[in-house]
Amino acid sequence: MSIRCARTVLAAVQQPLLQAAPTRAFSASASASKRVLSPLHKTSIARRERAEKGAGRGGPRGSETKVLPLDEAAKVLQEWSPKTPNAAYEINITTKPSNSIQLNALRGRVFLPHSCASATKSATLVVFASGAQAQAAREAGADVVGGEELIDRILNGDLSPDKLITTSDMFSLFQRNPTLARTLGPRGLMPSVKRGTVSDDIVQAIKEARGGLDWKGDNKGVVRAAIGRLHFTPEKLADNVHTLLASVSDIALGGAGAVNGIPARVKRPAITRVLISSTQGPGIQLADV
């Protein structure tokens, strides 16, 4: 066979192959378009879309935190979480305590003008009392009332109190049990006369415990707490915010946390920044506190 004939035969063989190639490429691309995304991939896409809209706790990455007055910040957060049941306003207070106050000792209790207790969650209140005081505690609404027998339940994890009160005659149980103190101390539950959790007026102590907010700073002096519910009016939210700020500022400066008679809007050198957010909303720095 001549070279010319060989080339003619080779060209005839290659022609169908070249025509079939686009069909295979089209089939491959069609298969790729139908691939099933994994849950992790879907989550990544959703996070990227939220970041583009600024839906994160602090908005999109690299953006500055918004600075707004309290009433405007509340409106923004209400728009972010209009359908979230029982959503809360959460406050983040950056402090600069005086040299005499250690960061890990920055803690206190404040009684907010408007309760921000969750409608779906209830705090477990444990009272150490005996005799008539134990009966009074039960009638006042304490969840668990008892004496020394409660200690083992707490240490074993069978009983996990959110708030704890004791009468003065039961206080020695905590003083002579260092293991119990190490268990309750980090959670801010160790009874204290100063904080009103050691009292012989057990009915009044229970009322205060139900309406009080126990706050605590972390190792950097930052205090975080739920300060209200999204259904609060701006006036109620402002009352709670300024009451907590007054308590935190007073203790950070070496006081006892008194808030009575303190104007709402005063310069508080112990507080350097205040952020407010909602359960699913962004963090907004407050300009008027």
C-alpha atoms as a PDB file:
ATOM      1  CA  MET A   1       0.000   0.000   0.000  1.00  0.00           C
ATOM      2  CA  SER A   2       1.313   3.432  -0.891  1.00  0.00           C
ATOM      3  CA  ILE A   3       1.865   6.171   1.652  1.00  0.00           C
ATOM      4  CA  ARG A   4      -0.999   8.194   0.118  1.00  0.00           C
ATOM      5  CA  CYS A   5      -3.462   5.290   0.550  1.00  0.00           C
ATOM      6  CA  ALA A   6      -2.347   4.725   4.153  1.00  0.00           C
ATOM      7  CA  ARG A   7      -3.018   8.384   5.024  1.00  0.00           C
ATOM      8  CA  THR A   8      -6.481   8.169   3.469  1.00  0.00           C
ATOM      9  CA  VAL A   9      -7.405   5.101   5.559  1.00  0.00           C
ATOM     10  CA  LEU A  10      -6.053   6.685   8.794  1.00  0.00           C
ATOM     11  CA  ALA A  11      -8.076   9.870   8.222  1.00  0.00           C
ATOM     12  CA  ALA A  12     -11.232   7.815   7.666  1.00  0.00           C
ATOM     13  CA  VAL A  13     -10.707   5.985  11.001  1.00  0.00           C
ATOM     14  CA  GLN A  14     -10.003   9.185  13.031  1.00  0.00           C
ATOM     15  CA  GLN A  15     -13.024  11.110  11.767  1.00  0.00           C
ATOM     16  CA  PRO A  16     -15.711   9.209  13.809  1.00  0.00           C
ATOM     17  CA  LEU A  17     -13.566   9.431  16.926  1.00  0.00           C
ATOM     18  CA  LEU A  18     -13.295  13.220  16.672  1.00  0.00           C
ATOM     19  CA  GLN A  19     -17.036  13.526  16.216  1.00  0.00           C
ATOM     20  CA  ALA A  20     -17.732  11.377  19.315  1.00  0.00           C
ATOM     21  CA  ALA A  21     -15.415  13.360  21.624  1.00  0.00           C
ATOM     22  CA  PRO A  22     -17.801  16.288  22.247  1.00  0.00           C
ATOM     23  CA  THR A  23     -20.539  13.792  23.178  1.00  0.00           C
ATOM     24  CA  ARG A  24     -18.353  12.254  25.910  1.00  0.00           C
ATOM     25  CA  ALA A  25     -17.334  15.689  27.232  1.00  0.00           C
ATOM     26  CA  PHE A  26     -20.969  16.773  27.392  1.00  0.00           C
ATOM     27  CA  SER A  27     -21.870  13.600  29.271  1.00  0.00           C
ATOM     28  CA  ALA A  28     -19.141  14.203  31.860  1.00  0.00           C
ATOM     29  CA  SER A  29     -20.233  17.784  32.515  1.00  0.00           C
ATOM     30  CA  ALA A  30     -23.850  16.709  32.849  1.00  0.00           C
ATOM     31  CA  SER A  31     -22.856  14.129  35.448  1.00  0.00           C
ATOM     32  CA  ALA A  32     -20.905  16.731  37.440  1.00  0.00           C
ATOM     33  CA  SER A  33     -23.862  19.095  37.518  1.00  0.00           C
ATOM     34  CA  LYS A  34     -25.982  16.422  39.205  1.00  0.00           C
ATOM     35  CA  ARG A  35     -23.571  15.629  42.047  1.00  0.00           C
ATOM     36  CA  VAL A  36     -25.061  15.474  45.544  1.00  0.00           C
ATOM     37  CA  LEU A  37     -23.633  17.967  48.054  1.00  0.00           C
ATOM     38  CA  SER A  38     -22.654  16.648  51.457  1.00  0.00           C
ATOM     39  CA  PRO A  39     -24.174  18.238  54.611  1.00  0.00           C
ATOM     40  CA  LEU A  40     -20.770  19.763  55.408  1.00  0.00           C
ATOM     41  CA  HIS A  41     -20.587  21.339  51.959  1.00  0.00           C
ATOM     42  CA  LYS A  42     -24.098  22.736  52.359  1.00  0.00           C
ATOM     43  CA  THR A  43     -23.169  24.170  55.748  1.00  0.00           C
ATOM     44  CA  SER A  44     -20.091  25.840  54.271  1.00  0.00           C
ATOM     45  CA  ILE A  45     -22.183  27.412  51.523  1.00  0.00           C
ATOM     46  CA  ALA A  46     -24.749  28.656  54.057  1.00  0.00           C
ATOM     47  CA  ARG A  47     -22.031  30.192  56.237  1.00  0.00           C
ATOM     48  CA  ARG A  48     -20.506  31.937  53.237  1.00  0.00           C
ATOM     49  CA  GLU A  49     -23.888  33.386  52.283  1.00  0.00           C
ATOM     50  CA  ARG A  50     -24.488  34.566  55.864  1.00  0.00           C
ATOM     51  CA  ALA A  51     -21.048  36.172  55.967  1.00  0.00           C
ATOM     52  CA  GLU A  52     -21.754  38.036  52.740  1.00  0.00           C
ATOM     53  CA  LYS A  53     -24.924  39.424  54.309  1.00  0.00           C
ATOM     54  CA  GLY A  54     -23.155  40.221  57.586  1.00  0.00           C
ATOM     55  CA  ALA A  55     -25.212  37.773  59.613  1.00  0.00           C
ATOM     56  CA  GLY A  56     -22.415  36.648  61.930  1.00  0.00           C
ATOM     57  CA  ARG A  57     -22.054  37.640  65.573  1.00  0.00           C
ATOM     58  CA  GLY A  58     -19.752  40.470  64.568  1.00  0.00           C
ATOM     59  CA  GLY A  59     -20.749  40.925  60.958  1.00  0.00           C
ATOM     60  CA  PRO A  60     -18.635  39.894  57.965  1.00  0.00           C
ATOM     61  CA  ARG A  61     -14.994  39.146  58.526  1.00  0.00           C
ATOM     62  CA  GLY A  62     -12.737  42.119  58.410  1.00  0.00           C
ATOM     63  CA  SER A  63     -15.583  44.602  58.977  1.00  0.00           C
ATOM     64  CA  GLU A  64     -15.723  46.923  61.943  1.00  0.00           C
ATOM     65  CA  THR A  65     -18.296  46.438  64.701  1.00  0.00           C
ATOM     66  CA  LYS A  66     -21.246  48.777  64.347  1.00  0.00           C
ATOM     67  CA  VAL A  67     -21.578  51.514  66.964  1.00  0.00           C
ATOM     68  CA  LEU A  68     -25.169  52.537  67.723  1.00  0.00           C
ATOM     69  CA  PRO A  69     -27.214  54.019  70.562  1.00  0.00           C
ATOM     70  CA  LEU A  70     -28.976  51.433  72.711  1.00  0.00           C
ATOM     71  CA  ASP A  71     -32.485  52.008  71.333  1.00  0.00           C
ATOM     72  CA  GLU A  72     -31.303  51.750  67.706  1.00  0.00           C
ATOM     73  CA  ALA A  73     -29.218  48.662  68.470  1.00  0.00           C
ATOM     74  CA  ALA A  74     -32.295  47.005  69.998  1.00  0.00           C
ATOM     75  CA  LYS A  75     -34.324  47.661  66.831  1.00  0.00           C
ATOM     76  CA  VAL A  76     -31.591  46.145  64.644  1.00  0.00           C
ATOM     77  CA  LEU A  77     -31.420  43.014  66.793  1.00  0.00           C
ATOM     78  CA  GLN A  78     -35.195  42.631  66.816  1.00  0.00           C
ATOM     79  CA  GLU A  79     -35.135  42.605  63.010  1.00  0.00           C
ATOM     80  CA  TRP A  80     -32.495  39.852  63.037  1.00  0.00           C
ATOM     81  CA  SER A  81     -34.437  37.471  65.286  1.00  0.00           C
ATOM     82  CA  PRO A  82     -38.150  38.283  64.898  1.00  0.00           C
ATOM     83  CA  LYS A  83     -39.306  34.653  64.928  1.00  0.00           C
ATOM     84  CA  THR A  84     -36.920  33.180  67.481  1.00  0.00           C
ATOM     85  CA  PRO A  85     -38.943  32.101  70.534  1.00  0.00           C
ATOM     86  CA  ASN A  86     -37.758  33.476  73.863  1.00  0.00           C
ATOM     87  CA  ALA A  87     -34.688  35.100  72.289  1.00  0.00           C
ATOM     88  CA  ALA A  88     -32.521  37.105  74.675  1.00  0.00           C
ATOM     89  CA  TYR A  89     -30.443  40.240  74.573  1.00  0.00           C
ATOM     90  CA  GLU A  90     -26.894  39.354  75.625  1.00  0.00           C
ATOM     91  CA  ILE A  91     -24.450  41.928  76.937  1.00  0.00           C
ATOM     92  CA  ASN A  92     -20.661  41.842  76.795  1.00  0.00           C
ATOM     93  CA  ILE A  93     -18.911  44.292  79.148  1.00  0.00           C
ATOM     94  CA  THR A  94     -15.172  44.875  78.899  1.00  0.00           C
ATOM     95  CA  THR A  95     -13.816  46.183  82.198  1.00  0.00           C
ATOM     96  CA  LYS A  96     -10.643  47.749  83.521  1.00  0.00           C
ATOM     97  CA  PRO A  97     -10.722  47.083  87.283  1.00  0.00           C
ATOM     98  CA  SER A  98      -8.687  49.045  89.783  1.00  0.00           C
ATOM     99  CA  ASN A  99      -5.313  47.640  90.802  1.00  0.00           C
ATOM    100  CA  SER A 100      -6.786  46.255  94.020  1.00  0.00           C
ATOM    101  CA  ILE A 101      -9.279  44.018  92.178  1.00  0.00           C
ATOM    102  CA  GLN A 102      -8.153  40.748  90.599  1.00  0.00           C
ATOM    103  CA  LEU A 103      -9.797  39.831  87.308  1.00  0.00           C
ATOM    104  CA  ASN A 104     -10.812  36.375  88.508  1.00  0.00           C
ATOM    105  CA  ALA A 105     -12.489  37.932  91.569  1.00  0.00           C
ATOM    106  CA  LEU A 106     -14.715  40.253  89.551  1.00  0.00           C
ATOM    107  CA  ARG A 107     -18.206  39.018  90.375  1.00  0.00           C
ATOM    108  CA  GLY A 108     -21.417  40.200  91.991  1.00  0.00           C
ATOM    109  CA  ARG A 109     -25.186  39.992  92.183  1.00  0.00           C
ATOM    110  CA  VAL A 110     -27.628  42.596  90.970  1.00  0.00           C
ATOM    111  CA  PHE A 111     -31.416  42.778  91.061  1.00  0.00           C
ATOM    112  CA  LEU A 112     -32.645  43.919  87.682  1.00  0.00           C
ATOM    113  CA  PRO A 113     -35.763  46.098  87.477  1.00  0.00           C
ATOM    114  CA  HIS A 114     -37.270  43.730  84.904  1.00  0.00           C
ATOM    115  CA  SER A 115     -36.803  39.965  85.101  1.00  0.00           C
ATOM    116  CA  CYS A 116     -35.117  38.432  82.072  1.00  0.00           C
ATOM    117  CA  ALA A 117     -35.621  34.843  83.185  1.00  0.00           C
ATOM    118  CA  SER A 118     -36.255  32.386  80.382  1.00  0.00           C
ATOM    119  CA  ALA A 119     -39.848  31.348  79.846  1.00  0.00           C
ATOM    120  CA  THR A 120     -38.737  27.858  78.774  1.00  0.00           C
ATOM    121  CA  LYS A 121     -35.953  27.189  81.279  1.00  0.00           C
ATOM    122  CA  SER A 122     -36.128  27.320  85.070  1.00  0.00           C
ATOM    123  CA  ALA A 123     -33.168  27.659  87.435  1.00  0.00           C
ATOM    124  CA  THR A 124     -32.742  25.007  90.124  1.00  0.00           C
ATOM    125  CA  LEU A 125     -32.673  26.693  93.526  1.00  0.00           C
ATOM    126  CA  VAL A 126     -31.162  24.580  96.329  1.00  0.00           C
ATOM    127  CA  VAL A 127     -31.555  25.629  99.963  1.00  0.00           C
ATOM    128  CA  PHE A 128     -29.630  24.226 102.930  1.00  0.00           C
ATOM    129  CA  ALA A 129     -31.918  24.577 105.934  1.00  0.00           C
ATOM    130  CA  SER A 130     -33.539  22.557 108.702  1.00  0.00           C
ATOM    131  CA  GLY A 131     -36.647  22.625 110.859  1.00  0.00           C
ATOM    132  CA  ALA A 132     -39.030  25.539 110.465  1.00  0.00           C
ATOM    133  CA  GLN A 133     -36.694  27.318 108.050  1.00  0.00           C
ATOM    134  CA  ALA A 134     -36.682  24.277 105.746  1.00  0.00           C
ATOM    135  CA  GLN A 135     -40.487  24.268 105.697  1.00  0.00           C
ATOM    136  CA  ALA A 136     -40.529  28.009 105.001  1.00  0.00           C
ATOM    137  CA  ALA A 137     -38.090  27.483 102.132  1.00  0.00           C
ATOM    138  CA  ARG A 138     -40.350  24.843 100.550  1.00  0.00           C
ATOM    139  CA  GLU A 139     -43.372  27.115 100.831  1.00  0.00           C
ATOM    140  CA  ALA A 140     -41.392  30.003  99.310  1.00  0.00           C
ATOM    141  CA  GLY A 141     -40.686  27.966  96.169  1.00  0.00           C
ATOM    142  CA  ALA A 142     -37.246  26.376  96.667  1.00  0.00           C
ATOM    143  CA  ASP A 143     -36.693  23.413  94.348  1.00  0.00           C
ATOM    144  CA  VAL A 144     -34.579  21.285  96.705  1.00  0.00           C
ATOM    145  CA  VAL A 145     -34.350  21.699 100.475  1.00  0.00           C
ATOM    146  CA  GLY A 146     -32.137  19.671 102.776  1.00  0.00           C
ATOM    147  CA  GLY A 147     -29.001  19.490 104.829  1.00  0.00           C
ATOM    148  CA  GLU A 148     -25.779  17.493 104.867  1.00  0.00           C
ATOM    149  CA  GLU A 149     -27.314  14.727 102.727  1.00  0.00           C
ATOM    150  CA  LEU A 150     -27.332  17.108  99.734  1.00  0.00           C
ATOM    151  CA  ILE A 151     -23.541  17.412  99.703  1.00  0.00           C
ATOM    152  CA  ASP A 152     -22.906  13.944  98.275  1.00  0.00           C
ATOM    153  CA  ARG A 153     -25.561  14.518  95.596  1.00  0.00           C
ATOM    154  CA  ILE A 154     -23.823  17.730  94.512  1.00  0.00           C
ATOM    155  CA  LEU A 155     -20.350  16.160  94.507  1.00  0.00           C
ATOM    156  CA  ASN A 156     -21.594  13.124  92.534  1.00  0.00           C
ATOM    157  CA  GLY A 157     -23.315  15.292  89.961  1.00  0.00           C
ATOM    158  CA  ASP A 158     -26.789  13.983  90.828  1.00  0.00           C
ATOM    159  CA  LEU A 159     -27.808  17.500  91.878  1.00  0.00           C
ATOM    160  CA  SER A 160     -26.716  20.505  89.832  1.00  0.00           C
ATOM    161  CA  PRO A 161     -27.939  23.754  91.421  1.00  0.00           C
ATOM    162  CA  ASP A 162     -28.127  26.972  89.446  1.00  0.00           C
ATOM    163  CA  LYS A 163     -28.493  28.981  92.660  1.00  0.00           C
ATOM    164  CA  LEU A 164     -27.730  28.006  96.238  1.00  0.00           C
ATOM    165  CA  ILE A 165     -28.719  29.494  99.614  1.00  0.00           C
ATOM    166  CA  THR A 166     -27.923  28.367 103.130  1.00  0.00           C
ATOM    167  CA  THR A 167     -28.930  29.383 106.625  1.00  0.00           C
ATOM    168  CA  SER A 168     -26.168  30.534 108.954  1.00  0.00           C
ATOM    169  CA  ASP A 169     -26.249  27.332 111.041  1.00  0.00           C
ATOM    170  CA  MET A 170     -25.636  25.258 107.862  1.00  0.00           C
ATOM    171  CA  PHE A 171     -22.807  27.437 106.587  1.00  0.00           C
ATOM    172  CA  SER A 172     -20.216  25.398 108.513  1.00  0.00           C
ATOM    173  CA  LEU A 173     -20.909  22.472 106.145  1.00  0.00           C
ATOM    174  CA  PHE A 174     -19.291  24.459 103.350  1.00  0.00           C
ATOM    175  CA  GLN A 175     -16.437  25.814 105.455  1.00  0.00           C
ATOM    176  CA  ARG A 176     -15.202  22.410 106.567  1.00  0.00           C
ATOM    177  CA  ASN A 177     -15.548  20.711 103.178  1.00  0.00           C
ATOM    178  CA  PRO A 178     -12.859  21.985 100.786  1.00  0.00           C
ATOM    179  CA  THR A 179     -13.975  19.588  98.038  1.00  0.00           C
ATOM    180  CA  LEU A 180     -17.443  21.139  98.075  1.00  0.00           C
ATOM    181  CA  ALA A 181     -15.918  24.617  98.006  1.00  0.00           C
ATOM    182  CA  ARG A 182     -13.778  23.712  94.979  1.00  0.00           C
ATOM    183  CA  THR A 183     -16.878  22.371  93.229  1.00  0.00           C
ATOM    184  CA  LEU A 184     -19.116  25.358  93.888  1.00  0.00           C
ATOM    185  CA  GLY A 185     -16.541  28.153  93.814  1.00  0.00           C
ATOM    186  CA  PRO A 186     -15.737  28.191  90.068  1.00  0.00           C
ATOM    187  CA  ARG A 187     -19.477  28.223  89.323  1.00  0.00           C
ATOM    188  CA  GLY A 188     -20.089  31.216  91.592  1.00  0.00           C
ATOM    189  CA  LEU A 189     -22.308  29.151  93.913  1.00  0.00           C
ATOM    190  CA  MET A 190     -20.262  29.224  97.103  1.00  0.00           C
ATOM    191  CA  PRO A 191     -22.517  30.813  99.783  1.00  0.00           C
ATOM    192  CA  SER A 192     -21.486  34.287 100.875  1.00  0.00           C
ATOM    193  CA  VAL A 193     -22.889  36.673 103.477  1.00  0.00           C
ATOM    194  CA  LYS A 194     -21.860  39.624 101.308  1.00  0.00           C
ATOM    195  CA  ARG A 195     -23.853  38.322  98.350  1.00  0.00           C
ATOM    196  CA  GLY A 196     -26.905  37.489 100.445  1.00  0.00           C
ATOM    197  CA  THR A 197     -26.736  33.725  99.954  1.00  0.00           C
ATOM    198  CA  VAL A 198     -26.149  33.101 103.686  1.00  0.00           C
ATOM    199  CA  SER A 199     -29.254  34.319 105.473  1.00  0.00           C
ATOM    200  CA  ASP A 200     -31.670  33.406 108.242  1.00  0.00           C
ATOM    201  CA  ASP A 201     -34.474  35.298 106.505  1.00  0.00           C
ATOM    202  CA  ILE A 202     -34.826  32.421 104.081  1.00  0.00           C
ATOM    203  CA  VAL A 203     -38.061  33.634 102.450  1.00  0.00           C
ATOM    204  CA  GLN A 204     -36.545  37.008 101.518  1.00  0.00           C
ATOM    205  CA  ALA A 205     -33.344  35.327 100.342  1.00  0.00           C
ATOM    206  CA  ILE A 206     -35.333  33.067  98.015  1.00  0.00           C
ATOM    207  CA  LYS A 207     -37.222  36.044  96.564  1.00  0.00           C
ATOM    208  CA  GLU A 208     -33.943  37.817  95.888  1.00  0.00           C
ATOM    209  CA  ALA A 209     -32.381  34.678  94.390  1.00  0.00           C
ATOM    210  CA  ARG A 210     -35.285  34.264  91.983  1.00  0.00           C
ATOM    211  CA  GLY A 211     -35.026  37.865  90.828  1.00  0.00           C
ATOM    212  CA  GLY A 212     -31.273  38.376  91.093  1.00  0.00           C
ATOM    213  CA  LEU A 213     -28.645  38.121  88.379  1.00  0.00           C
ATOM    214  CA  ASP A 214     -25.314  36.589  89.399  1.00  0.00           C
ATOM    215  CA  TRP A 215     -22.622  37.881  87.065  1.00  0.00           C
ATOM    216  CA  LYS A 216     -18.951  37.035  86.842  1.00  0.00           C
ATOM    217  CA  GLY A 217     -15.983  38.290  84.828  1.00  0.00           C
ATOM    218  CA  ASP A 218     -13.648  35.933  82.984  1.00  0.00           C
ATOM    219  CA  ASN A 219      -9.855  35.896  83.248  1.00  0.00           C
ATOM    220  CA  LYS A 220      -9.719  38.975  81.001  1.00  0.00           C
ATOM    221  CA  GLY A 221     -12.234  41.002  82.961  1.00  0.00           C
ATOM    222  CA  VAL A 222     -15.088  40.535  80.477  1.00  0.00           C
ATOM    223  CA  VAL A 223     -18.601  40.146  81.912  1.00  0.00           C
ATOM    224  CA  ARG A 224     -21.254  38.348  79.851  1.00  0.00           C
ATOM    225  CA  ALA A 225     -24.898  38.029  80.817  1.00  0.00           C
ATOM    226  CA  ALA A 226     -28.449  37.834  79.490  1.00  0.00           C
ATOM    227  CA  ILE A 227     -29.838  41.315  80.047  1.00  0.00           C
ATOM    228  CA  GLY A 228     -33.364  41.089  78.640  1.00  0.00           C
ATOM    229  CA  ARG A 229     -35.754  39.513  76.162  1.00  0.00           C
ATOM    230  CA  LEU A 230     -36.450  40.683  72.631  1.00  0.00           C
ATOM    231  CA  HIS A 231     -40.031  41.562  73.540  1.00  0.00           C
ATOM    232  CA  PHE A 232     -38.782  44.189  76.049  1.00  0.00           C
ATOM    233  CA  THR A 233     -39.584  47.815  75.343  1.00  0.00           C
ATOM    234  CA  PRO A 234     -36.539  50.117  74.868  1.00  0.00           C
ATOM    235  CA  GLU A 235     -37.223  51.614  78.311  1.00  0.00           C
ATOM    236  CA  LYS A 236     -37.162  48.221  80.070  1.00  0.00           C
ATOM    237  CA  LEU A 237     -33.996  47.183  78.271  1.00  0.00           C
ATOM    238  CA  ALA A 238     -32.286  50.468  79.157  1.00  0.00           C
ATOM    239  CA  ASP A 239     -33.255  50.058  82.841  1.00  0.00           C
ATOM    240  CA  ASN A 240     -31.653  46.605  82.977  1.00  0.00           C
ATOM    241  CA  VAL A 241     -28.525  47.604  81.035  1.00  0.00           C
ATOM    242  CA  HIS A 242     -27.748  50.647  83.179  1.00  0.00           C
ATOM    243  CA  THR A 243     -28.471  48.769  86.414  1.00  0.00           C
ATOM    244  CA  LEU A 244     -25.997  46.021  85.503  1.00  0.00           C
ATOM    245  CA  LEU A 245     -23.391  48.530  84.324  1.00  0.00           C
ATOM    246  CA  ALA A 246     -23.656  50.409  87.619  1.00  0.00           C
ATOM    247  CA  SER A 247     -23.119  47.201  89.602  1.00  0.00           C
ATOM    248  CA  VAL A 248     -20.167  46.036  87.498  1.00  0.00           C
ATOM    249  CA  SER A 249     -18.530  49.463  87.566  1.00  0.00           C
ATOM    250  CA  ASP A 250     -18.892  49.851  91.334  1.00  0.00           C
ATOM    251  CA  ILE A 251     -17.368  46.448  92.096  1.00  0.00           C
ATOM    252  CA  ALA A 252     -14.581  46.951  89.534  1.00  0.00           C
ATOM    253  CA  LEU A 253     -13.624  50.118  91.424  1.00  0.00           C
ATOM    254  CA  GLY A 254     -13.576  48.334  94.788  1.00  0.00           C
ATOM    255  CA  GLY A 255     -17.165  48.959  95.922  1.00  0.00           C
ATOM    256  CA  ALA A 256     -19.917  46.595  97.004  1.00  0.00           C
ATOM    257  CA  GLY A 257     -21.933  46.780  93.802  1.00  0.00           C
ATOM    258  CA  ALA A 258     -24.463  49.371  94.966  1.00  0.00           C
ATOM    259  CA  VAL A 259     -26.732  50.716  92.243  1.00  0.00           C
ATOM    260  CA  ASN A 260     -29.327  52.752  94.140  1.00  0.00           C
ATOM    261  CA  GLY A 261     -29.309  56.472  93.430  1.00  0.00           C
ATOM    262  CA  ILE A 262     -26.749  56.217  90.628  1.00  0.00           C
ATOM    263  CA  PRO A 263     -27.688  58.193  87.504  1.00  0.00           C
ATOM    264  CA  ALA A 264     -28.234  56.047  84.427  1.00  0.00           C
ATOM    265  CA  ARG A 265     -25.796  57.900  82.204  1.00  0.00           C
ATOM    266  CA  VAL A 266     -22.575  58.671  84.043  1.00  0.00           C
ATOM    267  CA  LYS A 267     -18.942  58.245  83.100  1.00  0.00           C
ATOM    268  CA  ARG A 268     -17.731  54.834  84.209  1.00  0.00           C
ATOM    269  CA  PRO A 269     -13.926  54.656  83.909  1.00  0.00           C
ATOM    270  CA  ALA A 270     -13.909  50.968  84.905  1.00  0.00           C
ATOM    271  CA  ILE A 271     -15.872  50.039  81.754  1.00  0.00           C
ATOM    272  CA  THR A 272     -14.096  50.431  78.423  1.00  0.00           C
ATOM    273  CA  ARG A 273     -16.561  48.860  75.961  1.00  0.00           C
ATOM    274  CA  VAL A 274     -20.094  47.460  75.926  1.00  0.00           C
ATOM    275  CA  LEU A 275     -21.454  45.168  73.210  1.00  0.00           C
ATOM    276  CA  ILE A 276     -25.023  43.955  72.904  1.00  0.00           C
ATOM    277  CA  SER A 277     -26.247  41.105  70.740  1.00  0.00           C
ATOM    278  CA  SER A 278     -29.219  38.778  70.403  1.00  0.00           C
ATOM    279  CA  THR A 279     -29.394  34.995  70.309  1.00  0.00           C
ATOM    280  CA  GLN A 280     -28.826  34.942  66.537  1.00  0.00           C
ATOM    281  CA  GLY A 281     -27.929  38.547  65.794  1.00  0.00           C
ATOM    282  CA  PRO A 282     -24.666  40.452  65.355  1.00  0.00           C
ATOM    283  CA  GLY A 283     -22.713  42.188  68.096  1.00  0.00           C
ATOM    284  CA  ILE A 284     -23.272  45.958  68.265  1.00  0.00           C
ATOM    285  CA  GLN A 285     -21.170  48.346  70.320  1.00  0.00           C
ATOM    286  CA  LEU A 286     -23.227  50.770  72.383  1.00  0.00           C
ATOM    287  CA  ALA A 287     -22.432  54.433  71.891  1.00  0.00           C
ATOM    288  CA  ASP A 288     -24.422  55.909  74.765  1.00  0.00           C
ATOM    289  CA  VAL A 289     -23.389  53.882  77.807  1.00  0.00           C
END
